C-alpha atoms as a PDB file:
ATOM      1  CA  UNK A   1       0.148  13.188  -0.194  1.00  0.00           C
ATOM      2  CA  UNK A   2       3.684  11.979  -0.900  1.00  0.00           C
ATOM      3  CA  UNK A   3       4.176  11.108   2.780  1.00  0.00           C
ATOM      4  CA  UNK A   4       1.078   8.932   2.729  1.00  0.00           C
ATOM      5  CA  UNK A   5       2.375   6.936  -0.242  1.00  0.00           C
ATOM      6  CA  UNK A   6       5.791   6.626   1.412  1.00  0.00           C
ATOM      7  CA  UNK A   7       4.272   5.393   4.657  1.00  0.00           C
ATOM      8  CA  UNK A   8       2.080   2.917   2.763  1.00  0.00           C
ATOM      9  CA  UNK A   9       5.158   1.578   0.967  1.00  0.00           C
ATOM     10  CA  UNK A  10       7.007   1.273   4.286  1.00  0.00           C
ATOM     11  CA  UNK A  11       4.103  -0.572   5.907  1.00  0.00           C
ATOM     12  CA  UNK A  12       3.933  -2.896   2.893  1.00  0.00           C
ATOM     13  CA  UNK A  13       7.649  -3.652   3.197  1.00  0.00           C
ATOM     14  CA  UNK A  14       7.187  -4.300   6.917  1.00  0.00           C
ATOM     15  CA  UNK A  15       4.485  -6.851   6.093  1.00  0.00           C
ATOM     16  CA  UNK A  16       6.791  -8.506   3.560  1.00  0.00           C
ATOM     17  CA  UNK A  17       9.565  -8.728   6.166  1.00  0.00           C
ATOM     18  CA  UNK A  18       7.168 -10.307   8.664  1.00  0.00           C
ATOM     19  CA  UNK A  19       5.941 -12.821   6.072  1.00  0.00           C
ATOM     20  CA  UNK A  20       9.519 -13.753   5.152  1.00  0.00           C
ATOM     21  CA  UNK A  21      10.406 -14.199   8.820  1.00  0.00           C
ATOM     22  CA  UNK A  22       7.343 -16.372   9.385  1.00  0.00           C
ATOM     23  CA  UNK A  23       8.262 -18.468   6.345  1.00  0.00           C
ATOM     24  CA  UNK A  24      11.830 -18.884   7.667  1.00  0.00           C
ATOM     25  CA  UNK A  25      10.570 -19.945  11.072  1.00  0.00           C
ATOM     26  CA  UNK A  26       8.078 -22.370   9.493  1.00  0.00           C
ATOM     27  CA  UNK A  27      10.851 -23.925   7.369  1.00  0.00           C
ATOM     28  CA  UNK A  28      13.080 -24.210  10.418  1.00  0.00           C
ATOM     29  CA  UNK A  29      10.290 -25.944  12.352  1.00  0.00           C
ATOM     30  CA  UNK A  30       9.751 -28.393   9.479  1.00  0.00           C
ATOM     31  CA  UNK A  31      13.480 -29.110   9.322  1.00  0.00           C
ATOM     32  CA  UNK A  32      13.552 -29.668  13.076  1.00  0.00           C
ATOM     33  CA  UNK A  33      10.709 -32.186  12.792  1.00  0.00           C
ATOM     34  CA  UNK A  34      12.576 -34.031  10.040  1.00  0.00           C
ATOM     35  CA  UNK A  35      15.776 -34.066  12.104  1.00  0.00           C
ATOM     36  CA  UNK A  36      13.936 -35.602  15.063  1.00  0.00           C
ATOM     37  CA  UNK A  37      12.791 -38.473  12.857  1.00  0.00           C
ATOM     38  CA  UNK A  38      16.031 -38.990  10.954  1.00  0.00           C
ATOM     39  CA  UNK A  39      19.164 -37.508  12.513  1.00  0.00           C
ATOM     40  CA  UNK A  40      21.601 -36.437   9.833  1.00  0.00           C
ATOM     41  CA  UNK A  41      25.006 -34.860   9.958  1.00  0.00           C
ATOM     42  CA  UNK A  42      25.731 -32.102  12.518  1.00  0.00           C
ATOM     43  CA  UNK A  43      25.914 -29.464   9.771  1.00  0.00           C
ATOM     44  CA  UNK A  44      22.169 -29.786   9.243  1.00  0.00           C
ATOM     45  CA  UNK A  45      21.575 -29.070  12.930  1.00  0.00           C
ATOM     46  CA  UNK A  46      23.775 -25.999  12.653  1.00  0.00           C
ATOM     47  CA  UNK A  47      21.867 -24.920   9.541  1.00  0.00           C
ATOM     48  CA  UNK A  48      18.616 -25.300  11.463  1.00  0.00           C
ATOM     49  CA  UNK A  49      19.928 -23.155  14.310  1.00  0.00           C
ATOM     50  CA  UNK A  50      21.101 -20.542  11.802  1.00  0.00           C
ATOM     51  CA  UNK A  51      17.694 -20.552  10.108  1.00  0.00           C
ATOM     52  CA  UNK A  52      15.958 -19.996  13.421  1.00  0.00           C
ATOM     53  CA  UNK A  53      18.333 -17.170  14.345  1.00  0.00           C
ATOM     54  CA  UNK A  54      17.767 -15.565  10.957  1.00  0.00           C
ATOM     55  CA  UNK A  55      14.007 -15.813  11.389  1.00  0.00           C
ATOM     56  CA  UNK A  56      14.181 -14.360  14.871  1.00  0.00           C
ATOM     57  CA  UNK A  57      16.413 -11.521  13.643  1.00  0.00           C
ATOM     58  CA  UNK A  58      14.002 -10.759  10.800  1.00  0.00           C
ATOM     59  CA  UNK A  59      11.049 -10.722  13.221  1.00  0.00           C
ATOM     60  CA  UNK A  60      12.947  -8.385  15.545  1.00  0.00           C
ATOM     61  CA  UNK A  61      13.809  -6.070  12.656  1.00  0.00           C
ATOM     62  CA  UNK A  62      10.190  -6.039  11.496  1.00  0.00           C
ATOM     63  CA  UNK A  63       9.051  -5.183  15.022  1.00  0.00           C
ATOM     64  CA  UNK A  64      11.587  -2.348  15.288  1.00  0.00           C
ATOM     65  CA  UNK A  65      10.586  -1.137  11.836  1.00  0.00           C
ATOM     66  CA  UNK A  66       6.915  -1.094  12.840  1.00  0.00           C
ATOM     67  CA  UNK A  67       7.703   0.739  16.060  1.00  0.00           C
ATOM     68  CA  UNK A  68       9.696   3.354  14.165  1.00  0.00           C
ATOM     69  CA  UNK A  69       6.872   3.809  11.654  1.00  0.00           C
ATOM     70  CA  UNK A  70       4.315   4.276  14.414  1.00  0.00           C
ATOM     71  CA  UNK A  71       6.581   6.769  16.178  1.00  0.00           C
ATOM     72  CA  UNK A  72       6.979   8.678  12.910  1.00  0.00           C
ATOM     73  CA  UNK A  73       3.219   8.717  12.323  1.00  0.00           C
ATOM     74  CA  UNK A  74       2.595   9.831  15.919  1.00  0.00           C
ATOM     75  CA  UNK A  75       5.135  12.643  15.552  1.00  0.00           C
ATOM     76  CA  UNK A  76       3.479  13.795  12.330  1.00  0.00           C
ATOM     77  CA  UNK A  77       0.083  13.732  14.029  1.00  0.00           C
ATOM     78  CA  UNK A  78       1.347  15.800  16.962  1.00  0.00           C
ATOM     79  CA  UNK A  79       2.933  18.290  14.563  1.00  0.00           C
ATOM     80  CA  UNK A  80      -0.321  18.572  12.603  1.00  0.00           C
ATOM     81  CA  UNK A  81      -2.311  19.050  15.800  1.00  0.00           C
ATOM     82  CA  UNK A  82       0.091  21.769  16.975  1.00  0.00           C
ATOM     83  CA  UNK A  83      -0.565  23.733  13.776  1.00  0.00           C
ATOM     84  CA  UNK A  84      -4.338  23.652  14.204  1.00  0.00           C
ATOM     85  CA  UNK A  85      -6.017  26.493  16.082  1.00  0.00           C
ATOM     86  CA  UNK A  86      -7.325  25.655  19.528  1.00  0.00           C
ATOM     87  CA  UNK A  87     -11.049  24.944  19.547  1.00  0.00           C
ATOM     88  CA  UNK A  88     -13.203  27.457  21.379  1.00  0.00           C
ATOM     89  CA  UNK A  89     -16.930  27.132  21.879  1.00  0.00           C
ATOM     90  CA  UNK A  90     -19.154  29.352  19.802  1.00  0.00           C
ATOM     91  CA  UNK A  91     -20.410  32.396  21.643  1.00  0.00           C
ATOM     92  CA  UNK A  92     -23.429  32.409  19.352  1.00  0.00           C
ATOM     93  CA  UNK A  93     -24.837  29.206  20.863  1.00  0.00           C
ATOM     94  CA  UNK A  94     -28.062  29.504  22.799  1.00  0.00           C
ATOM     95  CA  UNK A  95     -28.172  28.593  26.501  1.00  0.00           C
ATOM     96  CA  UNK A  96     -30.109  25.443  25.589  1.00  0.00           C
ATOM     97  CA  UNK A  97     -27.466  24.387  23.073  1.00  0.00           C
ATOM     98  CA  UNK A  98     -24.717  24.975  25.641  1.00  0.00           C
ATOM     99  CA  UNK A  99     -26.666  22.908  28.186  1.00  0.00           C
ATOM    100  CA  UNK A 100     -27.178  20.042  25.721  1.00  0.00           C
ATOM    101  CA  UNK A 101     -23.489  20.167  24.745  1.00  0.00           C
ATOM    102  CA  UNK A 102     -22.497  19.932  28.419  1.00  0.00           C
ATOM    103  CA  UNK A 103     -24.872  17.016  28.967  1.00  0.00           C
ATOM    104  CA  UNK A 104     -23.432  15.279  25.905  1.00  0.00           C
ATOM    105  CA  UNK A 105     -19.883  15.704  27.217  1.00  0.00           C
ATOM    106  CA  UNK A 106     -20.879  14.275  30.619  1.00  0.00           C
ATOM    107  CA  UNK A 107     -22.515  11.278  28.954  1.00  0.00           C
ATOM    108  CA  UNK A 108     -26.095  12.188  29.827  1.00  0.00           C
ATOM    109  CA  UNK A 109     -27.095  12.313  26.156  1.00  0.00           C
ATOM    110  CA  UNK A 110     -26.098  10.077  23.297  1.00  0.00           C
ATOM    111  CA  UNK A 111     -26.102  11.161  19.686  1.00  0.00           C
ATOM    112  CA  UNK A 112     -24.948  13.920  17.414  1.00  0.00           C
ATOM    113  CA  UNK A 113     -25.580  17.384  18.800  1.00  0.00           C
ATOM    114  CA  UNK A 114     -25.486  18.864  15.294  1.00  0.00           C
ATOM    115  CA  UNK A 115     -28.239  16.564  14.024  1.00  0.00           C
ATOM    116  CA  UNK A 116     -31.518  18.312  13.187  1.00  0.00           C
ATOM    117  CA  UNK A 117     -33.983  18.085  16.050  1.00  0.00           C
ATOM    118  CA  UNK A 118     -31.378  16.838  18.548  1.00  0.00           C
ATOM    119  CA  UNK A 119     -32.502  17.345  22.128  1.00  0.00           C
ATOM    120  CA  UNK A 120     -36.006  18.534  21.296  1.00  0.00           C
END
């Protein structure tokens, strides 16, 4: 349960990073538009370039962060699946139930095989 809360907090921080990067890029675009209309001193142009680089860096970090989180979640899933016992079909199933299950797997039937009255 603790891992779930930790992952939720990490995903929330990733979203905050992405929002901050988008805000930086939006501010840089607005500054660029203003500079096109009224050229100012060269320091403002350098500030604009620095803003854009900062926004791009933040976006890249957010992307890497998201990739790392997904890799972590995938690794946890694989570890959980490795602990589970391998599924084996029930030997108590009737020949008709086995036939319907096979038809369901091949796509001949649609529905829930465990539903009451399925396949009758």
